Amino acid sequence: MRLRASVLDWVRRGADVAESWAFPEAGNSGRFAVEVDTGSGFGGRFDVGSPVAELAEGVLAARVAEIGPDGRIGPWAVITSG
């Protein structure tokens, strides 16, 4: 994951370990949740359909999580600017 200027981009990775052996892993619809921190904590969530997001100026950190087919948010990956 990279945060350069006002562009955040990342490479989608597959699950390392299955969370449940009872159900196969569902396919990714290519949806991701993005939240930014401008100094007061993470918030301002928006969703994107590809592994890139354009951010406003003044972002100190960003985090990304995959949105599953059932709408649940997966684990967050965090990156700071600089």
N, C-alpha and C. Protein backbone atom coordinates (compact mmCIF):
# COMPACT_ATOMS: atom_id res chain seq x y z
N MET A 1 0.86 -1.16 0.00
CA MET A 1 0.00 0.00 0.00
C MET A 1 0.91 1.22 0.00
N ARG A 2 0.55 2.21 -0.83
CA ARG A 2 1.34 3.44 -0.93
C ARG A 2 0.44 4.65 -0.81
N LEU A 3 0.91 5.67 -0.11
CA LEU A 3 0.23 6.94 0.00
C LEU A 3 1.21 8.01 -0.45
N ARG A 4 1.02 8.48 -1.67
CA ARG A 4 1.91 9.50 -2.24
C ARG A 4 1.06 10.67 -2.69
N ALA A 5 1.50 11.87 -2.30
CA ALA A 5 0.75 13.10 -2.58
C ALA A 5 -0.69 12.88 -2.11
N SER A 6 -1.64 12.84 -2.99
CA SER A 6 -3.03 12.63 -2.57
C SER A 6 -3.61 11.36 -3.18
N VAL A 7 -2.74 10.42 -3.54
CA VAL A 7 -3.20 9.16 -4.14
C VAL A 7 -2.78 7.98 -3.27
N LEU A 8 -3.76 7.16 -2.92
CA LEU A 8 -3.54 5.93 -2.16
C LEU A 8 -3.79 4.77 -3.10
N ASP A 9 -2.84 3.85 -3.21
CA ASP A 9 -3.06 2.65 -4.02
C ASP A 9 -2.50 1.44 -3.30
N TRP A 10 -3.03 0.26 -3.65
CA TRP A 10 -2.66 -0.97 -2.96
C TRP A 10 -2.86 -2.15 -3.88
N VAL A 11 -2.31 -3.29 -3.46
CA VAL A 11 -2.47 -4.55 -4.18
C VAL A 11 -3.33 -5.45 -3.33
N ARG A 12 -4.41 -5.95 -3.90
CA ARG A 12 -5.29 -6.86 -3.17
C ARG A 12 -4.56 -8.18 -2.95
N ARG A 13 -4.63 -8.69 -1.76
CA ARG A 13 -4.03 -9.98 -1.41
C ARG A 13 -5.12 -10.96 -1.02
N GLY A 14 -4.90 -12.23 -1.26
CA GLY A 14 -5.85 -13.26 -0.84
C GLY A 14 -5.71 -13.53 0.64
N ALA A 15 -6.68 -14.21 1.19
CA ALA A 15 -6.63 -14.56 2.61
C ALA A 15 -5.51 -15.56 2.86
N ASP A 16 -4.72 -15.32 3.89
CA ASP A 16 -3.62 -16.23 4.24
C ASP A 16 -4.14 -17.51 4.89
N VAL A 17 -5.13 -17.33 5.73
CA VAL A 17 -5.69 -18.46 6.47
C VAL A 17 -7.21 -18.37 6.40
N ALA A 18 -7.81 -19.46 6.06
CA ALA A 18 -9.28 -19.45 6.01
C ALA A 18 -9.85 -19.19 7.39
N GLU A 19 -10.91 -18.36 7.48
CA GLU A 19 -11.53 -18.07 8.76
C GLU A 19 -12.48 -19.18 9.18
N SER A 20 -12.99 -19.93 8.22
CA SER A 20 -13.89 -21.02 8.54
C SER A 20 -13.68 -22.13 7.52
N TRP A 21 -13.46 -23.33 7.98
CA TRP A 21 -13.29 -24.45 7.06
C TRP A 21 -14.64 -24.97 6.60
N ALA A 22 -15.73 -24.50 7.22
CA ALA A 22 -17.06 -24.98 6.86
C ALA A 22 -17.56 -24.37 5.56
N PHE A 23 -17.09 -23.15 5.25
CA PHE A 23 -17.57 -22.46 4.05
C PHE A 23 -16.39 -22.05 3.18
N PRO A 24 -16.49 -22.22 1.88
CA PRO A 24 -15.41 -21.75 1.00
C PRO A 24 -15.38 -20.22 0.99
N GLU A 25 -14.22 -19.68 0.68
CA GLU A 25 -14.08 -18.24 0.62
C GLU A 25 -14.87 -17.70 -0.56
N ALA A 26 -15.67 -16.67 -0.31
CA ALA A 26 -16.48 -16.07 -1.37
C ALA A 26 -15.60 -15.23 -2.29
N GLY A 27 -16.04 -15.05 -3.51
CA GLY A 27 -15.30 -14.23 -4.46
C GLY A 27 -15.33 -12.77 -4.08
N ASN A 28 -14.32 -12.04 -4.47
CA ASN A 28 -14.25 -10.62 -4.19
C ASN A 28 -15.00 -9.86 -5.27
N SER A 29 -15.87 -8.96 -4.83
CA SER A 29 -16.59 -8.13 -5.79
C SER A 29 -15.77 -6.91 -6.17
N GLY A 30 -14.57 -6.75 -5.57
CA GLY A 30 -13.71 -5.61 -5.90
C GLY A 30 -14.12 -4.34 -5.21
N ARG A 31 -14.77 -4.43 -4.07
CA ARG A 31 -15.18 -3.25 -3.31
C ARG A 31 -14.30 -3.11 -2.07
N PHE A 32 -13.90 -1.88 -1.79
CA PHE A 32 -13.03 -1.60 -0.66
C PHE A 32 -13.55 -0.39 0.09
N ALA A 33 -13.44 -0.41 1.42
CA ALA A 33 -13.77 0.73 2.27
C ALA A 33 -12.48 1.47 2.57
N VAL A 34 -12.53 2.79 2.52
CA VAL A 34 -11.37 3.64 2.80
C VAL A 34 -11.79 4.64 3.87
N GLU A 35 -10.93 4.84 4.85
CA GLU A 35 -11.12 5.88 5.87
C GLU A 35 -9.82 6.66 5.97
N VAL A 36 -9.93 7.95 6.29
CA VAL A 36 -8.74 8.80 6.41
C VAL A 36 -8.70 9.44 7.80
N ASP A 37 -7.48 9.80 8.20
CA ASP A 37 -7.24 10.50 9.46
C ASP A 37 -6.58 11.83 9.12
N THR A 38 -7.25 12.93 9.46
CA THR A 38 -6.69 14.26 9.23
C THR A 38 -6.26 14.91 10.54
N GLY A 39 -6.12 14.09 11.59
CA GLY A 39 -5.67 14.60 12.88
C GLY A 39 -6.63 14.36 14.01
N SER A 40 -7.84 13.92 13.71
CA SER A 40 -8.82 13.69 14.78
C SER A 40 -9.31 12.25 14.79
N GLY A 41 -8.53 11.33 14.23
CA GLY A 41 -8.91 9.93 14.19
C GLY A 41 -9.51 9.55 12.84
N PHE A 42 -9.68 8.25 12.64
CA PHE A 42 -10.19 7.77 11.36
C PHE A 42 -11.69 8.02 11.25
N GLY A 43 -12.11 8.38 10.06
CA GLY A 43 -13.52 8.63 9.79
C GLY A 43 -13.69 8.99 8.32
N GLY A 44 -14.84 9.47 7.98
CA GLY A 44 -15.10 9.88 6.60
C GLY A 44 -15.02 8.73 5.62
N ARG A 45 -15.62 7.60 5.99
CA ARG A 45 -15.53 6.41 5.14
C ARG A 45 -16.17 6.63 3.78
N PHE A 46 -15.48 6.12 2.75
CA PHE A 46 -16.06 6.05 1.42
C PHE A 46 -15.63 4.74 0.78
N ASP A 47 -16.39 4.28 -0.18
CA ASP A 47 -16.12 3.00 -0.84
C ASP A 47 -15.62 3.24 -2.25
N VAL A 48 -14.71 2.37 -2.69
CA VAL A 48 -14.18 2.43 -4.06
C VAL A 48 -14.28 1.06 -4.69
N GLY A 49 -14.31 1.04 -6.02
CA GLY A 49 -14.44 -0.21 -6.75
C GLY A 49 -13.15 -0.70 -7.37
N SER A 50 -12.03 -0.04 -7.06
CA SER A 50 -10.73 -0.48 -7.55
C SER A 50 -9.69 -0.15 -6.48
N PRO A 51 -8.51 -0.74 -6.56
CA PRO A 51 -7.51 -0.55 -5.50
C PRO A 51 -6.73 0.77 -5.61
N VAL A 52 -7.46 1.85 -5.75
CA VAL A 52 -6.86 3.19 -5.78
C VAL A 52 -7.91 4.20 -5.30
N ALA A 53 -7.44 5.20 -4.56
CA ALA A 53 -8.34 6.25 -4.06
C ALA A 53 -7.62 7.58 -4.07
N GLU A 54 -8.31 8.61 -4.49
CA GLU A 54 -7.76 9.95 -4.45
C GLU A 54 -8.21 10.60 -3.14
N LEU A 55 -7.26 11.16 -2.40
CA LEU A 55 -7.55 11.71 -1.08
C LEU A 55 -7.39 13.22 -1.08
N ALA A 56 -8.04 13.87 -0.15
CA ALA A 56 -7.92 15.32 0.02
C ALA A 56 -6.56 15.66 0.62
N GLU A 57 -6.17 16.90 0.51
CA GLU A 57 -4.92 17.36 1.12
C GLU A 57 -5.04 17.28 2.64
N GLY A 58 -3.91 17.11 3.31
CA GLY A 58 -3.88 17.11 4.76
C GLY A 58 -4.13 15.77 5.42
N VAL A 59 -4.18 14.70 4.65
CA VAL A 59 -4.39 13.37 5.22
C VAL A 59 -3.09 12.90 5.88
N LEU A 60 -3.18 12.53 7.16
CA LEU A 60 -2.02 12.04 7.91
C LEU A 60 -1.86 10.53 7.78
N ALA A 61 -2.98 9.82 7.65
CA ALA A 61 -2.96 8.37 7.52
C ALA A 61 -4.24 7.93 6.82
N ALA A 62 -4.20 6.73 6.26
CA ALA A 62 -5.38 6.16 5.61
C ALA A 62 -5.43 4.68 5.95
N ARG A 63 -6.62 4.11 5.87
CA ARG A 63 -6.75 2.68 6.06
C ARG A 63 -7.76 2.14 5.05
N VAL A 64 -7.54 0.88 4.67
CA VAL A 64 -8.34 0.22 3.64
C VAL A 64 -8.75 -1.15 4.15
N ALA A 65 -9.98 -1.55 3.82
CA ALA A 65 -10.47 -2.88 4.14
C ALA A 65 -11.35 -3.36 2.99
N GLU A 66 -11.29 -4.64 2.75
CA GLU A 66 -12.12 -5.24 1.71
C GLU A 66 -13.56 -5.36 2.22
N ILE A 67 -14.52 -5.11 1.34
CA ILE A 67 -15.93 -5.29 1.65
C ILE A 67 -16.36 -6.62 1.06
N GLY A 68 -16.81 -7.53 1.90
CA GLY A 68 -17.21 -8.85 1.45
C GLY A 68 -18.53 -8.83 0.70
N PRO A 69 -18.87 -9.92 0.05
CA PRO A 69 -20.13 -10.01 -0.70
C PRO A 69 -21.37 -9.81 0.19
N ASP A 70 -21.21 -10.08 1.48
CA ASP A 70 -22.33 -9.90 2.41
C ASP A 70 -22.35 -8.50 3.03
N GLY A 71 -21.42 -7.62 2.59
CA GLY A 71 -21.38 -6.25 3.08
C GLY A 71 -20.53 -6.03 4.31
N ARG A 72 -19.99 -7.10 4.89
CA ARG A 72 -19.15 -6.94 6.08
C ARG A 72 -17.77 -6.43 5.67
N ILE A 73 -17.18 -5.65 6.58
CA ILE A 73 -15.85 -5.08 6.37
C ILE A 73 -14.80 -6.02 6.94
N GLY A 74 -13.76 -6.29 6.17
CA GLY A 74 -12.67 -7.14 6.63
C GLY A 74 -11.68 -6.37 7.49
N PRO A 75 -10.53 -6.97 7.79
CA PRO A 75 -9.51 -6.30 8.59
C PRO A 75 -8.97 -5.06 7.88
N TRP A 76 -8.65 -4.05 8.65
CA TRP A 76 -8.10 -2.81 8.11
C TRP A 76 -6.59 -2.91 7.95
N ALA A 77 -6.07 -2.33 6.88
CA ALA A 77 -4.63 -2.14 6.67
C ALA A 77 -4.40 -0.63 6.73
N VAL A 78 -3.42 -0.20 7.53
CA VAL A 78 -3.19 1.22 7.78
C VAL A 78 -1.85 1.65 7.20
N ILE A 79 -1.81 2.88 6.65
CA ILE A 79 -0.56 3.47 6.18
C ILE A 79 -0.56 4.94 6.56
N THR A 80 0.61 5.45 6.94
CA THR A 80 0.74 6.86 7.26
C THR A 80 1.41 7.57 6.09
N SER A 81 1.19 8.86 5.98
CA SER A 81 1.81 9.62 4.90
C SER A 81 3.27 9.84 5.23
N GLY A 82 4.03 10.08 4.19
CA GLY A 82 5.45 10.36 4.38
C GLY A 82 6.22 9.17 4.21
